[in-house]
N, C-alpha and C. Protein backbone atom coordinates (compact mmCIF):
# COMPACT_ATOMS: atom_id res chain seq x y z
N UNK A 1 -9.30 -4.65 17.91
CA UNK A 1 -9.83 -5.77 18.64
C UNK A 1 -11.21 -6.08 18.06
N UNK A 2 -11.47 -7.35 17.85
CA UNK A 2 -12.74 -7.80 17.29
C UNK A 2 -13.43 -8.72 18.29
N UNK A 3 -14.74 -8.57 18.41
CA UNK A 3 -15.53 -9.41 19.31
C UNK A 3 -16.56 -10.16 18.46
N UNK A 4 -16.56 -11.48 18.58
CA UNK A 4 -17.53 -12.32 17.88
C UNK A 4 -18.50 -12.87 18.92
N UNK A 5 -19.80 -12.74 18.65
CA UNK A 5 -20.83 -13.26 19.54
C UNK A 5 -21.68 -14.28 18.80
N UNK A 6 -22.11 -15.30 19.53
CA UNK A 6 -23.01 -16.30 18.97
C UNK A 6 -23.94 -16.76 20.09
N UNK A 7 -25.18 -17.08 19.76
CA UNK A 7 -26.06 -17.62 20.81
C UNK A 7 -25.45 -18.91 21.36
N UNK A 8 -25.61 -19.11 22.65
CA UNK A 8 -24.99 -20.30 23.25
C UNK A 8 -25.67 -21.57 22.74
N UNK A 9 -24.86 -22.59 22.51
CA UNK A 9 -25.35 -23.84 21.94
C UNK A 9 -25.90 -24.78 23.01
N UNK A 10 -25.43 -24.64 24.25
CA UNK A 10 -25.91 -25.49 25.33
C UNK A 10 -26.04 -24.65 26.60
N UNK A 11 -26.03 -25.29 27.75
CA UNK A 11 -26.24 -24.57 29.01
C UNK A 11 -25.04 -23.70 29.42
N UNK A 12 -23.87 -23.96 28.86
CA UNK A 12 -22.67 -23.22 29.25
C UNK A 12 -22.38 -22.08 28.27
N UNK A 13 -21.99 -20.94 28.80
CA UNK A 13 -21.51 -19.84 27.97
C UNK A 13 -20.00 -19.94 27.88
N UNK A 14 -19.49 -19.83 26.66
CA UNK A 14 -18.05 -19.96 26.45
C UNK A 14 -17.44 -18.60 26.17
N UNK A 15 -16.21 -18.42 26.65
CA UNK A 15 -15.48 -17.17 26.47
C UNK A 15 -14.06 -17.52 26.07
N UNK A 16 -13.60 -16.94 24.97
CA UNK A 16 -12.26 -17.24 24.48
C UNK A 16 -11.56 -15.96 24.07
N UNK A 17 -10.24 -15.93 24.26
CA UNK A 17 -9.43 -14.77 23.90
C UNK A 17 -8.29 -15.24 23.01
N UNK A 18 -8.11 -14.56 21.88
CA UNK A 18 -7.00 -14.84 20.97
C UNK A 18 -6.22 -13.54 20.82
N UNK A 19 -4.94 -13.59 21.18
CA UNK A 19 -4.08 -12.41 21.05
C UNK A 19 -2.87 -12.80 20.22
N UNK A 20 -2.71 -12.17 19.06
CA UNK A 20 -1.62 -12.53 18.16
C UNK A 20 -0.30 -11.92 18.62
N UNK A 21 0.77 -12.40 18.04
CA UNK A 21 2.09 -11.85 18.36
C UNK A 21 2.25 -10.44 17.82
N UNK A 22 1.41 -10.03 16.88
CA UNK A 22 1.45 -8.64 16.40
C UNK A 22 1.02 -7.68 17.51
N UNK A 23 0.18 -8.15 18.42
CA UNK A 23 -0.27 -7.30 19.51
C UNK A 23 0.86 -7.03 20.49
N UNK A 24 1.67 -8.04 20.74
CA UNK A 24 2.85 -7.90 21.60
C UNK A 24 3.76 -9.10 21.37
N UNK A 25 5.03 -8.85 21.27
CA UNK A 25 5.98 -9.93 21.04
C UNK A 25 6.21 -10.78 22.29
N UNK A 26 5.98 -10.19 23.46
CA UNK A 26 6.27 -10.89 24.72
C UNK A 26 5.05 -11.65 25.22
N UNK A 27 5.26 -12.93 25.55
CA UNK A 27 4.18 -13.75 26.07
C UNK A 27 3.66 -13.22 27.40
N UNK A 28 4.55 -12.66 28.20
CA UNK A 28 4.15 -12.10 29.49
C UNK A 28 3.11 -11.00 29.30
N UNK A 29 3.34 -10.15 28.32
CA UNK A 29 2.40 -9.05 28.05
C UNK A 29 1.09 -9.58 27.50
N UNK A 30 1.15 -10.53 26.57
CA UNK A 30 -0.08 -11.11 26.01
C UNK A 30 -0.90 -11.79 27.11
N UNK A 31 -0.24 -12.48 28.03
CA UNK A 31 -0.96 -13.13 29.13
C UNK A 31 -1.58 -12.12 30.08
N UNK A 32 -0.90 -10.98 30.28
CA UNK A 32 -1.48 -9.92 31.13
C UNK A 32 -2.77 -9.39 30.49
N UNK A 33 -2.75 -9.19 29.16
CA UNK A 33 -3.96 -8.75 28.47
C UNK A 33 -5.07 -9.79 28.63
N UNK A 34 -4.73 -11.07 28.51
CA UNK A 34 -5.74 -12.12 28.69
C UNK A 34 -6.34 -12.08 30.09
N UNK A 35 -5.49 -11.94 31.09
CA UNK A 35 -5.99 -11.87 32.47
C UNK A 35 -6.90 -10.67 32.68
N UNK A 36 -6.53 -9.52 32.11
CA UNK A 36 -7.37 -8.33 32.25
C UNK A 36 -8.72 -8.53 31.57
N UNK A 37 -8.73 -9.12 30.38
CA UNK A 37 -9.99 -9.35 29.68
C UNK A 37 -10.86 -10.39 30.40
N UNK A 38 -10.25 -11.41 30.97
CA UNK A 38 -11.02 -12.39 31.74
C UNK A 38 -11.65 -11.75 32.96
N UNK A 39 -10.90 -10.88 33.62
CA UNK A 39 -11.44 -10.18 34.79
C UNK A 39 -12.58 -9.25 34.38
N UNK A 40 -12.43 -8.59 33.25
CA UNK A 40 -13.49 -7.73 32.72
C UNK A 40 -14.75 -8.54 32.46
N UNK A 41 -14.59 -9.71 31.85
CA UNK A 41 -15.73 -10.60 31.57
C UNK A 41 -16.41 -11.03 32.87
N UNK A 42 -15.60 -11.38 33.86
CA UNK A 42 -16.14 -11.85 35.13
C UNK A 42 -16.86 -10.73 35.88
N UNK A 43 -16.27 -9.54 35.96
CA UNK A 43 -16.86 -8.46 36.75
C UNK A 43 -18.11 -7.88 36.10
N UNK A 44 -18.21 -7.94 34.79
CA UNK A 44 -19.40 -7.42 34.12
C UNK A 44 -20.49 -8.49 33.96
N UNK A 45 -20.22 -9.69 34.47
CA UNK A 45 -21.19 -10.79 34.47
C UNK A 45 -21.78 -11.04 33.09
N UNK A 46 -20.93 -11.05 32.09
CA UNK A 46 -21.40 -11.21 30.71
C UNK A 46 -21.92 -12.61 30.42
N UNK A 47 -21.57 -13.59 31.23
CA UNK A 47 -22.06 -14.94 31.02
C UNK A 47 -23.57 -15.03 31.20
N UNK A 48 -24.16 -14.05 31.85
CA UNK A 48 -25.60 -14.05 32.07
C UNK A 48 -26.40 -13.65 30.84
N UNK A 49 -25.74 -13.11 29.81
CA UNK A 49 -26.45 -12.68 28.61
C UNK A 49 -26.76 -13.83 27.67
N UNK A 50 -26.17 -15.00 27.89
CA UNK A 50 -26.49 -16.18 27.10
C UNK A 50 -25.85 -16.22 25.73
N UNK A 51 -24.64 -15.69 25.61
CA UNK A 51 -23.92 -15.72 24.34
C UNK A 51 -22.52 -16.28 24.55
N UNK A 52 -22.03 -16.96 23.51
CA UNK A 52 -20.62 -17.34 23.48
C UNK A 52 -19.86 -16.16 22.91
N UNK A 53 -18.66 -15.88 23.45
CA UNK A 53 -17.90 -14.71 23.04
C UNK A 53 -16.45 -15.09 22.71
N UNK A 54 -15.97 -14.59 21.58
CA UNK A 54 -14.57 -14.73 21.21
C UNK A 54 -14.01 -13.34 20.97
N UNK A 55 -12.91 -13.01 21.65
CA UNK A 55 -12.23 -11.73 21.46
C UNK A 55 -10.94 -12.00 20.73
N UNK A 56 -10.74 -11.30 19.59
CA UNK A 56 -9.54 -11.47 18.78
C UNK A 56 -8.81 -10.14 18.73
N UNK A 57 -7.56 -10.14 19.19
CA UNK A 57 -6.73 -8.93 19.14
C UNK A 57 -5.57 -9.21 18.20
N UNK A 58 -5.52 -8.47 17.10
CA UNK A 58 -4.46 -8.66 16.10
C UNK A 58 -3.50 -7.49 16.05
N UNK A 59 -3.97 -6.32 16.38
CA UNK A 59 -3.14 -5.11 16.26
C UNK A 59 -2.39 -4.84 17.55
N UNK A 60 -1.51 -3.88 17.50
CA UNK A 60 -0.72 -3.46 18.65
C UNK A 60 -1.65 -2.98 19.76
N UNK A 61 -1.47 -3.51 20.96
CA UNK A 61 -2.28 -3.12 22.11
C UNK A 61 -1.46 -2.23 23.03
N UNK A 62 -2.13 -1.32 23.70
CA UNK A 62 -1.47 -0.48 24.69
C UNK A 62 -1.98 -0.89 26.07
N UNK A 63 -1.10 -0.95 27.05
CA UNK A 63 -1.53 -1.35 28.40
C UNK A 63 -2.59 -0.39 28.95
N UNK A 64 -3.61 -0.95 29.57
CA UNK A 64 -4.69 -0.19 30.18
C UNK A 64 -4.91 -0.71 31.59
N UNK A 65 -5.20 0.18 32.53
CA UNK A 65 -5.62 -0.33 33.85
C UNK A 65 -6.95 -1.07 33.69
N UNK A 66 -7.15 -2.11 34.46
CA UNK A 66 -8.35 -2.93 34.34
C UNK A 66 -9.62 -2.11 34.58
N UNK A 67 -9.53 -1.04 35.33
CA UNK A 67 -10.72 -0.23 35.64
C UNK A 67 -11.17 0.61 34.46
N UNK A 68 -10.32 0.78 33.42
CA UNK A 68 -10.70 1.62 32.29
C UNK A 68 -11.37 0.83 31.17
N UNK A 69 -11.38 -0.50 31.25
CA UNK A 69 -12.03 -1.30 30.21
C UNK A 69 -13.53 -1.18 30.42
N UNK A 70 -14.22 -0.70 29.41
CA UNK A 70 -15.66 -0.47 29.50
C UNK A 70 -16.40 -1.31 28.48
N UNK A 71 -17.66 -1.56 28.77
CA UNK A 71 -18.52 -2.27 27.84
C UNK A 71 -19.61 -1.31 27.40
N UNK A 72 -19.89 -1.28 26.11
CA UNK A 72 -20.99 -0.46 25.62
C UNK A 72 -22.26 -1.28 25.55
N UNK A 73 -23.31 -0.79 26.17
CA UNK A 73 -24.59 -1.52 26.15
C UNK A 73 -25.64 -0.70 25.49
């Protein structure tokens, strides 16, 4: 998984998730990963840091409970 950060260009912070079919062939599974990452972004209040963020997942992903996703600061 790769995370790209850029200083925000305007007043809004943008957050985007790209998950390839290599990560999972099923759209249901890819959407579950997207929902978990969006919840992670929301609960950690990352929009307050003033950066635009793009998360790109290309490799095979393994299901994780939402509580185990951590951010390194």
